[in-house]
Structures are given as C-alpha cells and as structure tokens.
C-alpha cells in the first residue's frame, strides 16, 4: 500500500532515524557556575542521573543526563563559570 511505500522511502532517506537523534553532549541550560561534578569520565549513567550542579541566579540547578550512556569527557571543571549552551559533558 501507499503507507508501506512511504515507510520504505523514509527508511531509504534515513528519516526513520530522525526521531532517534543521538544525544552526545550536555549543554548548560543557562549561564552559571559549576558547583560540583557528580560524574567521572568513563562512568556509565542512566537518564535522569545527576551530572553536575550548576549555580545560576543564586539557585542550585541539578543538570541531569538526557540519556543512558557513558561519559566520554567532562569539558568543564568545578568553580568554572559557563555560558548558556556551553558544552559541559560529552558522551561516548
């Protein structure tokens, strides 16, 4: 049927993977100061695990992992000021 052809076309174009975007980094949602890191490189984390604590506007924000994955690299250090959208952590 038409739907099958459409699905095959999407698959051929690679669009069936579009909603499974591989997240490979965590970015700062706001400017702030990295108070503490909760993970180490090579550590496996689950979606929702605390990655670090970001202090912004006098509030402590827990930055959580968006995925199940393994920490490849921690790009920031404790007491470092970060900008909005700055990469904090990379996943493998």
PDB file of N, CA and C in Angstrom:
ATOM      1  N   UNK A   1       0.814  -1.193   0.000  1.00  0.00           N
ATOM      2  CA  UNK A   1       0.000   0.000   0.000  1.00  0.00           C
ATOM      3  C   UNK A   1       0.860   1.261   0.000  1.00  0.00           C
ATOM      4  N   UNK A   2       0.186   2.392  -0.016  1.00  0.00           N
ATOM      5  CA  UNK A   2       0.879   3.684  -0.050  1.00  0.00           C
ATOM      6  C   UNK A   2       1.712   3.876   1.212  1.00  0.00           C
ATOM      7  N   UNK A   3       1.156   3.505   2.362  1.00  0.00           N
ATOM      8  CA  UNK A   3       1.869   3.695   3.626  1.00  0.00           C
ATOM      9  C   UNK A   3       3.194   2.912   3.624  1.00  0.00           C
ATOM     10  N   UNK A   4       3.164   1.682   3.126  1.00  0.00           N
ATOM     11  CA  UNK A   4       4.379   0.869   3.079  1.00  0.00           C
ATOM     12  C   UNK A   4       5.434   1.537   2.206  1.00  0.00           C
ATOM     13  N   UNK A   5       4.998   2.050   1.063  1.00  0.00           N
ATOM     14  CA  UNK A   5       5.944   2.721   0.165  1.00  0.00           C
ATOM     15  C   UNK A   5       6.534   3.954   0.836  1.00  0.00           C
ATOM     16  N   UNK A   6       5.668   4.669   1.550  1.00  0.00           N
ATOM     17  CA  UNK A   6       6.108   5.877   2.240  1.00  0.00           C
ATOM     18  C   UNK A   6       7.133   5.509   3.317  1.00  0.00           C
ATOM     19  N   UNK A   7       6.842   4.457   4.081  1.00  0.00           N
ATOM     20  CA  UNK A   7       7.776   4.000   5.115  1.00  0.00           C
ATOM     21  C   UNK A   7       9.105   3.595   4.498  1.00  0.00           C
ATOM     22  N   UNK A   8       9.049   2.912   3.361  1.00  0.00           N
ATOM     23  CA  UNK A   8      10.285   2.488   2.695  1.00  0.00           C
ATOM     24  C   UNK A   8      11.077   3.698   2.222  1.00  0.00           C
ATOM     25  N   UNK A   9      10.365   4.698   1.719  1.00  0.00           N
ATOM     26  CA  UNK A   9      11.026   5.919   1.257  1.00  0.00           C
ATOM     27  C   UNK A   9      11.714   6.613   2.430  1.00  0.00           C
ATOM     28  N   UNK A  10      10.999   6.729   3.553  1.00  0.00           N
ATOM     29  CA  UNK A  10      11.583   7.354   4.743  1.00  0.00           C
ATOM     30  C   UNK A  10      12.826   6.586   5.175  1.00  0.00           C
ATOM     31  N   UNK A  11      12.725   5.268   5.159  1.00  0.00           N
ATOM     32  CA  UNK A  11      13.845   4.440   5.580  1.00  0.00           C
ATOM     33  C   UNK A  11      15.026   4.675   4.634  1.00  0.00           C
ATOM     34  N   UNK A  12      14.718   4.719   3.345  1.00  0.00           N
ATOM     35  CA  UNK A  12      15.744   4.935   2.331  1.00  0.00           C
ATOM     36  C   UNK A  12      16.434   6.287   2.550  1.00  0.00           C
ATOM     37  N   UNK A  13      15.669   7.290   2.932  1.00  0.00           N
ATOM     38  CA  UNK A  13      16.224   8.625   3.140  1.00  0.00           C
ATOM     39  C   UNK A  13      16.852   8.765   4.528  1.00  0.00           C
ATOM     40  N   UNK A  14      16.682   7.734   5.352  1.00  0.00           N
ATOM     41  CA  UNK A  14      17.253   7.786   6.691  1.00  0.00           C
ATOM     42  C   UNK A  14      16.401   8.601   7.647  1.00  0.00           C
ATOM     43  N   UNK A  15      15.190   8.932   7.231  1.00  0.00           N
ATOM     44  CA  UNK A  15      14.359   9.795   8.067  1.00  0.00           C
ATOM     45  C   UNK A  15      13.665   9.036   9.184  1.00  0.00           C
ATOM     46  N   UNK A  16      13.641   7.702   9.095  1.00  0.00           N
ATOM     47  CA  UNK A  16      13.013   6.958  10.175  1.00  0.00           C
ATOM     48  C   UNK A  16      13.874   7.030  11.438  1.00  0.00           C
ATOM     49  N   UNK A  17      15.118   7.491  11.287  1.00  0.00           N
ATOM     50  CA  UNK A  17      16.002   7.652  12.445  1.00  0.00           C
ATOM     51  C   UNK A  17      15.914   9.069  13.023  1.00  0.00           C
ATOM     52  N   UNK A  18      15.193   9.944  12.357  1.00  0.00           N
ATOM     53  CA  UNK A  18      15.194  11.357  12.735  1.00  0.00           C
ATOM     54  C   UNK A  18      14.716  11.580  14.166  1.00  0.00           C
ATOM     55  N   UNK A  19      13.758  10.760  14.612  1.00  0.00           N
ATOM     56  CA  UNK A  19      13.261  10.980  15.972  1.00  0.00           C
ATOM     57  C   UNK A  19      14.111  10.254  16.997  1.00  0.00           C
ATOM     58  N   UNK A  20      15.126   9.544  16.549  1.00  0.00           N
ATOM     59  CA  UNK A  20      16.037   8.869  17.481  1.00  0.00           C
ATOM     60  C   UNK A  20      17.383   9.590  17.433  1.00  0.00           C
ATOM     61  N   UNK A  21      17.342  10.887  17.570  1.00  0.00           N
ATOM     62  CA  UNK A  21      18.566  11.678  17.484  1.00  0.00           C
ATOM     63  C   UNK A  21      19.503  11.260  18.612  1.00  0.00           C
ATOM     64  N   UNK A  22      20.733  10.977  18.259  1.00  0.00           N
ATOM     65  CA  UNK A  22      21.706  10.549  19.263  1.00  0.00           C
ATOM     66  C   UNK A  22      22.214  11.788  19.992  1.00  0.00           C
ATOM     67  N   UNK A  23      21.944  11.823  21.289  1.00  0.00           N
ATOM     68  CA  UNK A  23      22.426  12.929  22.105  1.00  0.00           C
ATOM     69  C   UNK A  23      23.852  12.591  22.512  1.00  0.00           C
ATOM     70  N   UNK A  24      24.800  13.451  22.207  1.00  0.00           N
ATOM     71  CA  UNK A  24      26.169  13.108  22.584  1.00  0.00           C
ATOM     72  C   UNK A  24      26.824  14.173  23.450  1.00  0.00           C
ATOM     73  N   UNK A  25      26.018  15.114  23.932  1.00  0.00           N
ATOM     74  CA  UNK A  25      26.588  16.104  24.837  1.00  0.00           C
ATOM     75  C   UNK A  25      25.498  16.698  25.714  1.00  0.00           C
ATOM     76  N   UNK A  26      25.931  17.274  26.819  1.00  0.00           N
ATOM     77  CA  UNK A  26      25.023  18.022  27.693  1.00  0.00           C
ATOM     78  C   UNK A  26      25.502  19.457  27.675  1.00  0.00           C
ATOM     79  N   UNK A  27      24.567  20.370  27.415  1.00  0.00           N
ATOM     80  CA  UNK A  27      24.922  21.792  27.385  1.00  0.00           C
ATOM     81  C   UNK A  27      24.297  22.517  28.570  1.00  0.00           C
ATOM     82  N   UNK A  28      24.899  23.612  28.944  1.00  0.00           N
ATOM     83  CA  UNK A  28      24.356  24.411  30.045  1.00  0.00           C
ATOM     84  C   UNK A  28      23.045  25.053  29.597  1.00  0.00           C
ATOM     85  N   UNK A  29      21.975  24.878  30.369  1.00  0.00           N
ATOM     86  CA  UNK A  29      20.690  25.481  30.002  1.00  0.00           C
ATOM     87  C   UNK A  29      20.656  26.980  30.273  1.00  0.00           C
ATOM     88  N   UNK A  30      21.650  27.461  31.029  1.00  0.00           N
ATOM     89  CA  UNK A  30      21.699  28.874  31.409  1.00  0.00           C
ATOM     90  C   UNK A  30      23.134  29.194  31.832  1.00  0.00           C
ATOM     91  N   UNK A  31      23.501  30.463  31.835  1.00  0.00           N
ATOM     92  CA  UNK A  31      24.832  30.793  32.345  1.00  0.00           C
ATOM     93  C   UNK A  31      24.880  30.529  33.847  1.00  0.00           C
ATOM     94  N   UNK A  32      26.024  30.139  34.331  1.00  0.00           N
ATOM     95  CA  UNK A  32      26.122  29.873  35.761  1.00  0.00           C
ATOM     96  C   UNK A  32      27.525  29.430  36.144  1.00  0.00           C
ATOM     97  N   UNK A  33      27.611  28.882  37.352  1.00  0.00           N
ATOM     98  CA  UNK A  33      28.887  28.439  37.900  1.00  0.00           C
ATOM     99  C   UNK A  33      28.774  26.960  38.239  1.00  0.00           C
ATOM    100  N   UNK A  34      29.739  26.169  37.751  1.00  0.00           N
ATOM    101  CA  UNK A  34      29.746  24.742  38.060  1.00  0.00           C
ATOM    102  C   UNK A  34      30.141  24.585  39.535  1.00  0.00           C
ATOM    103  N   UNK A  35      29.194  24.145  40.362  1.00  0.00           N
ATOM    104  CA  UNK A  35      29.471  23.984  41.789  1.00  0.00           C
ATOM    105  C   UNK A  35      30.161  22.664  42.060  1.00  0.00           C
ATOM    106  N   UNK A  36      29.603  21.585  41.502  1.00  0.00           N
ATOM    107  CA  UNK A  36      30.238  20.284  41.718  1.00  0.00           C
ATOM    108  C   UNK A  36      29.891  19.311  40.602  1.00  0.00           C
ATOM    109  N   UNK A  37      30.851  18.474  40.290  1.00  0.00           N
ATOM    110  CA  UNK A  37      30.666  17.424  39.291  1.00  0.00           C
ATOM    111  C   UNK A  37      30.216  16.166  40.013  1.00  0.00           C
ATOM    112  N   UNK A  38      29.242  15.493  39.444  1.00  0.00           N
ATOM    113  CA  UNK A  38      28.676  14.298  40.084  1.00  0.00           C
ATOM    114  C   UNK A  38      29.073  13.025  39.348  1.00  0.00           C
ATOM    115  N   UNK A  39      29.794  13.166  38.248  1.00  0.00           N
ATOM    116  CA  UNK A  39      30.188  12.005  37.445  1.00  0.00           C
ATOM    117  C   UNK A  39      31.681  12.072  37.142  1.00  0.00           C
ATOM    118  N   UNK A  40      32.200  10.957  36.674  1.00  0.00           N
ATOM    119  CA  UNK A  40      33.594  10.881  36.253  1.00  0.00           C
ATOM    120  C   UNK A  40      33.645  10.377  34.821  1.00  0.00           C
ATOM    121  N   UNK A  41      34.740  10.652  34.121  1.00  0.00           N
ATOM    122  CA  UNK A  41      34.891  10.152  32.765  1.00  0.00           C
ATOM    123  C   UNK A  41      34.893   8.632  32.787  1.00  0.00           C
ATOM    124  N   UNK A  42      34.330   8.045  31.755  1.00  0.00           N
ATOM    125  CA  UNK A  42      34.167   6.587  31.603  1.00  0.00           C
ATOM    126  C   UNK A  42      33.062   6.010  32.487  1.00  0.00           C
ATOM    127  N   UNK A  43      32.376   6.867  33.222  1.00  0.00           N
ATOM    128  CA  UNK A  43      31.295   6.382  34.089  1.00  0.00           C
ATOM    129  C   UNK A  43      30.014   6.184  33.290  1.00  0.00           C
ATOM    130  N   UNK A  44      29.336   5.082  33.544  1.00  0.00           N
ATOM    131  CA  UNK A  44      28.028   4.850  32.923  1.00  0.00           C
ATOM    132  C   UNK A  44      26.972   5.609  33.726  1.00  0.00           C
ATOM    133  N   UNK A  45      26.075   6.269  33.017  1.00  0.00           N
ATOM    134  CA  UNK A  45      24.987   6.995  33.675  1.00  0.00           C
ATOM    135  C   UNK A  45      23.654   6.587  33.059  1.00  0.00           C
ATOM    136  N   UNK A  46      22.616   6.749  33.834  1.00  0.00           N
ATOM    137  CA  UNK A  46      21.266   6.491  33.352  1.00  0.00           C
ATOM    138  C   UNK A  46      20.577   7.831  33.120  1.00  0.00           C
ATOM    139  N   UNK A  47      19.582   7.810  32.242  1.00  0.00           N
ATOM    140  CA  UNK A  47      18.792   9.014  32.005  1.00  0.00           C
ATOM    141  C   UNK A  47      18.239   9.519  33.339  1.00  0.00           C
ATOM    142  N   UNK A  48      18.449  10.804  33.613  1.00  0.00           N
ATOM    143  CA  UNK A  48      17.940  11.389  34.855  1.00  0.00           C
ATOM    144  C   UNK A  48      18.966  11.441  35.975  1.00  0.00           C
ATOM    145  N   UNK A  49      20.111  10.752  35.788  1.00  0.00           N
ATOM    146  CA  UNK A  49      21.174  10.825  36.798  1.00  0.00           C
ATOM    147  C   UNK A  49      21.744  12.239  36.853  1.00  0.00           C
ATOM    148  N   UNK A  50      22.103  12.680  38.045  1.00  0.00           N
ATOM    149  CA  UNK A  50      22.728  14.000  38.196  1.00  0.00           C
ATOM    150  C   UNK A  50      24.120  13.972  37.581  1.00  0.00           C
ATOM    151  N   UNK A  51      24.403  14.955  36.733  1.00  0.00           N
ATOM    152  CA  UNK A  51      25.728  15.057  36.098  1.00  0.00           C
ATOM    153  C   UNK A  51      26.556  16.106  36.822  1.00  0.00           C
ATOM    154  N   UNK A  52      25.933  17.241  37.078  1.00  0.00           N
ATOM    155  CA  UNK A  52      26.635  18.275  37.835  1.00  0.00           C
ATOM    156  C   UNK A  52      25.631  19.238  38.439  1.00  0.00           C
ATOM    157  N   UNK A  53      26.138  20.052  39.351  1.00  0.00           N
ATOM    158  CA  UNK A  53      25.305  21.090  39.968  1.00  0.00           C
ATOM    159  C   UNK A  53      25.747  22.431  39.400  1.00  0.00           C
ATOM    160  N   UNK A  54      24.794  23.158  38.827  1.00  0.00           N
ATOM    161  CA  UNK A  54      25.077  24.460  38.231  1.00  0.00           C
ATOM    162  C   UNK A  54      24.370  25.529  39.066  1.00  0.00           C
ATOM    163  N   UNK A  55      25.152  26.469  39.587  1.00  0.00           N
ATOM    164  CA  UNK A  55      24.548  27.571  40.338  1.00  0.00           C
ATOM    165  C   UNK A  55      24.252  28.697  39.367  1.00  0.00           C
ATOM    166  N   UNK A  56      22.991  29.099  39.342  1.00  0.00           N
ATOM    167  CA  UNK A  56      22.592  30.205  38.470  1.00  0.00           C
ATOM    168  C   UNK A  56      21.578  31.049  39.224  1.00  0.00           C
ATOM    169  N   UNK A  57      21.746  32.337  39.184  1.00  0.00           N
ATOM    170  CA  UNK A  57      20.834  33.265  39.860  1.00  0.00           C
ATOM    171  C   UNK A  57      20.586  32.832  41.300  1.00  0.00           C
ATOM    172  N   UNK A  58      21.652  32.510  42.026  1.00  0.00           N
ATOM    173  CA  UNK A  58      21.603  32.154  43.442  1.00  0.00           C
ATOM    174  C   UNK A  58      20.833  30.857  43.709  1.00  0.00           C
ATOM    175  N   UNK A  59      20.560  30.091  42.661  1.00  0.00           N
ATOM    176  CA  UNK A  59      19.878  28.816  42.843  1.00  0.00           C
ATOM    177  C   UNK A  59      20.766  27.683  42.345  1.00  0.00           C
ATOM    178  N   UNK A  60      20.689  26.547  43.022  1.00  0.00           N
ATOM    179  CA  UNK A  60      21.437  25.379  42.580  1.00  0.00           C
ATOM    180  C   UNK A  60      20.550  24.543  41.674  1.00  0.00           C
ATOM    181  N   UNK A  61      21.039  24.284  40.469  1.00  0.00           N
ATOM    182  CA  UNK A  61      20.288  23.502  39.498  1.00  0.00           C
ATOM    183  C   UNK A  61      21.012  22.194  39.242  1.00  0.00           C
ATOM    184  N   UNK A  62      20.293  21.087  39.385  1.00  0.00           N
ATOM    185  CA  UNK A  62      20.884  19.787  39.090  1.00  0.00           C
ATOM    186  C   UNK A  62      20.754  19.556  37.590  1.00  0.00           C
ATOM    187  N   UNK A  63      21.895  19.438  36.923  1.00  0.00           N
ATOM    188  CA  UNK A  63      21.881  19.132  35.498  1.00  0.00           C
ATOM    189  C   UNK A  63      21.889  17.612  35.374  1.00  0.00           C
ATOM    190  N   UNK A  64      20.854  17.081  34.701  1.00  0.00           N
ATOM    191  CA  UNK A  64      20.683  15.633  34.643  1.00  0.00           C
ATOM    192  C   UNK A  64      21.041  15.094  33.263  1.00  0.00           C
ATOM    193  N   UNK A  65      21.382  13.815  33.243  1.00  0.00           N
ATOM    194  CA  UNK A  65      21.698  13.161  31.980  1.00  0.00           C
ATOM    195  C   UNK A  65      20.435  12.998  31.145  1.00  0.00           C
ATOM    196  N   UNK A  66      20.491  13.380  29.853  1.00  0.00           N
ATOM    197  CA  UNK A  66      19.318  13.224  28.986  1.00  0.00           C
ATOM    198  C   UNK A  66      19.176  11.785  28.470  1.00  0.00           C
ATOM    199  N   UNK A  67      20.200  10.972  28.663  1.00  0.00           N
ATOM    200  CA  UNK A  67      20.214   9.627  28.078  1.00  0.00           C
ATOM    201  C   UNK A  67      20.884   8.625  29.018  1.00  0.00           C
ATOM    202  N   UNK A  68      20.717   7.346  28.687  1.00  0.00           N
ATOM    203  CA  UNK A  68      21.562   6.302  29.253  1.00  0.00           C
ATOM    204  C   UNK A  68      22.826   6.308  28.408  1.00  0.00           C
ATOM    205  N   UNK A  69      23.977   6.402  29.035  1.00  0.00           N
ATOM    206  CA  UNK A  69      25.198   6.444  28.243  1.00  0.00           C
ATOM    207  C   UNK A  69      26.432   6.367  29.116  1.00  0.00           C
ATOM    208  N   UNK A  70      27.560   6.610  28.477  1.00  0.00           N
ATOM    209  CA  UNK A  70      28.838   6.596  29.186  1.00  0.00           C
ATOM    210  C   UNK A  70      29.500   7.954  28.983  1.00  0.00           C
ATOM    211  N   UNK A  71      29.990   8.540  30.070  1.00  0.00           N
ATOM    212  CA  UNK A  71      30.654   9.835  29.999  1.00  0.00           C
ATOM    213  C   UNK A  71      31.987   9.672  29.273  1.00  0.00           C
ATOM    214  N   UNK A  72      32.134  10.383  28.165  1.00  0.00           N
ATOM    215  CA  UNK A  72      33.393  10.322  27.421  1.00  0.00           C
ATOM    216  C   UNK A  72      34.374  11.347  27.970  1.00  0.00           C
ATOM    217  N   UNK A  73      33.864  12.567  28.142  1.00  0.00           N
ATOM    218  CA  UNK A  73      34.747  13.645  28.580  1.00  0.00           C
ATOM    219  C   UNK A  73      33.944  14.675  29.351  1.00  0.00           C
ATOM    220  N   UNK A  74      34.527  15.149  30.444  1.00  0.00           N
ATOM    221  CA  UNK A  74      33.933  16.265  31.189  1.00  0.00           C
ATOM    222  C   UNK A  74      34.712  17.499  30.760  1.00  0.00           C
ATOM    223  N   UNK A  75      34.011  18.414  30.118  1.00  0.00           N
ATOM    224  CA  UNK A  75      34.679  19.542  29.477  1.00  0.00           C
ATOM    225  C   UNK A  75      34.893  20.715  30.429  1.00  0.00           C
ATOM    226  N   UNK A  76      34.148  20.723  31.532  1.00  0.00           N
ATOM    227  CA  UNK A  76      34.242  21.835  32.479  1.00  0.00           C
ATOM    228  C   UNK A  76      34.823  21.330  33.798  1.00  0.00           C
ATOM    229  N   UNK A  77      35.212  22.265  34.647  1.00  0.00           N
ATOM    230  CA  UNK A  77      35.728  21.878  35.961  1.00  0.00           C
ATOM    231  C   UNK A  77      34.940  22.612  37.045  1.00  0.00           C
ATOM    232  N   UNK A  78      35.068  22.130  38.276  1.00  0.00           N
ATOM    233  CA  UNK A  78      34.358  22.771  39.381  1.00  0.00           C
ATOM    234  C   UNK A  78      34.830  24.208  39.546  1.00  0.00           C
ATOM    235  N   UNK A  79      33.915  25.068  39.934  1.00  0.00           N
ATOM    236  CA  UNK A  79      34.145  26.504  40.134  1.00  0.00           C
ATOM    237  C   UNK A  79      34.330  27.269  38.809  1.00  0.00           C
ATOM    238  N   UNK A  80      34.031  26.583  37.684  1.00  0.00           N
ATOM    239  CA  UNK A  80      34.164  27.254  36.385  1.00  0.00           C
ATOM    240  C   UNK A  80      32.850  27.939  36.023  1.00  0.00           C
ATOM    241  N   UNK A  81      32.947  29.164  35.533  1.00  0.00           N
ATOM    242  CA  UNK A  81      31.771  29.869  35.029  1.00  0.00           C
ATOM    243  C   UNK A  81      31.515  29.408  33.603  1.00  0.00           C
ATOM    244  N   UNK A  82      30.241  29.136  33.290  1.00  0.00           N
ATOM    245  CA  UNK A  82      29.876  28.686  31.949  1.00  0.00           C
ATOM    246  C   UNK A  82      28.803  29.586  31.361  1.00  0.00           C
ATOM    247  N   UNK A  83      28.760  29.624  30.047  1.00  0.00           N
ATOM    248  CA  UNK A  83      27.738  30.386  29.332  1.00  0.00           C
ATOM    249  C   UNK A  83      26.585  29.465  28.953  1.00  0.00           C
ATOM    250  N   UNK A  84      25.454  30.069  28.659  1.00  0.00           N
ATOM    251  CA  UNK A  84      24.309  29.307  28.153  1.00  0.00           C
ATOM    252  C   UNK A  84      24.735  28.560  26.893  1.00  0.00           C
ATOM    253  N   UNK A  85      24.315  27.314  26.778  1.00  0.00           N
ATOM    254  CA  UNK A  85      24.605  26.442  25.631  1.00  0.00           C
ATOM    255  C   UNK A  85      26.055  25.992  25.538  1.00  0.00           C
ATOM    256  N   UNK A  86      26.870  26.306  26.550  1.00  0.00           N
ATOM    257  CA  UNK A  86      28.233  25.799  26.554  1.00  0.00           C
ATOM    258  C   UNK A  86      28.201  24.303  26.849  1.00  0.00           C
ATOM    259  N   UNK A  87      28.997  23.540  26.125  1.00  0.00           N
ATOM    260  CA  UNK A  87      29.055  22.099  26.350  1.00  0.00           C
ATOM    261  C   UNK A  87      29.690  21.811  27.702  1.00  0.00           C
ATOM    262  N   UNK A  88      29.053  20.927  28.470  1.00  0.00           N
ATOM    263  CA  UNK A  88      29.532  20.574  29.798  1.00  0.00           C
ATOM    264  C   UNK A  88      30.185  19.189  29.789  1.00  0.00           C
ATOM    265  N   UNK A  89      29.487  18.247  29.165  1.00  0.00           N
ATOM    266  CA  UNK A  89      29.902  16.843  29.191  1.00  0.00           C
ATOM    267  C   UNK A  89      29.649  16.219  27.819  1.00  0.00           C
ATOM    268  N   UNK A  90      30.566  15.367  27.394  1.00  0.00           N
ATOM    269  CA  UNK A  90      30.386  14.622  26.147  1.00  0.00           C
ATOM    270  C   UNK A  90      30.155  13.154  26.480  1.00  0.00           C
ATOM    271  N   UNK A  91      29.287  12.519  25.683  1.00  0.00           N
ATOM    272  CA  UNK A  91      29.043  11.092  25.816  1.00  0.00           C
ATOM    273  C   UNK A  91      29.811  10.336  24.746  1.00  0.00           C
ATOM    274  N   UNK A  92      30.069   9.055  25.009  1.00  0.00           N
ATOM    275  CA  UNK A  92      30.735   8.212  24.007  1.00  0.00           C
ATOM    276  C   UNK A  92      29.771   7.903  22.891  1.00  0.00           C
TER     277      UNK A  92
END
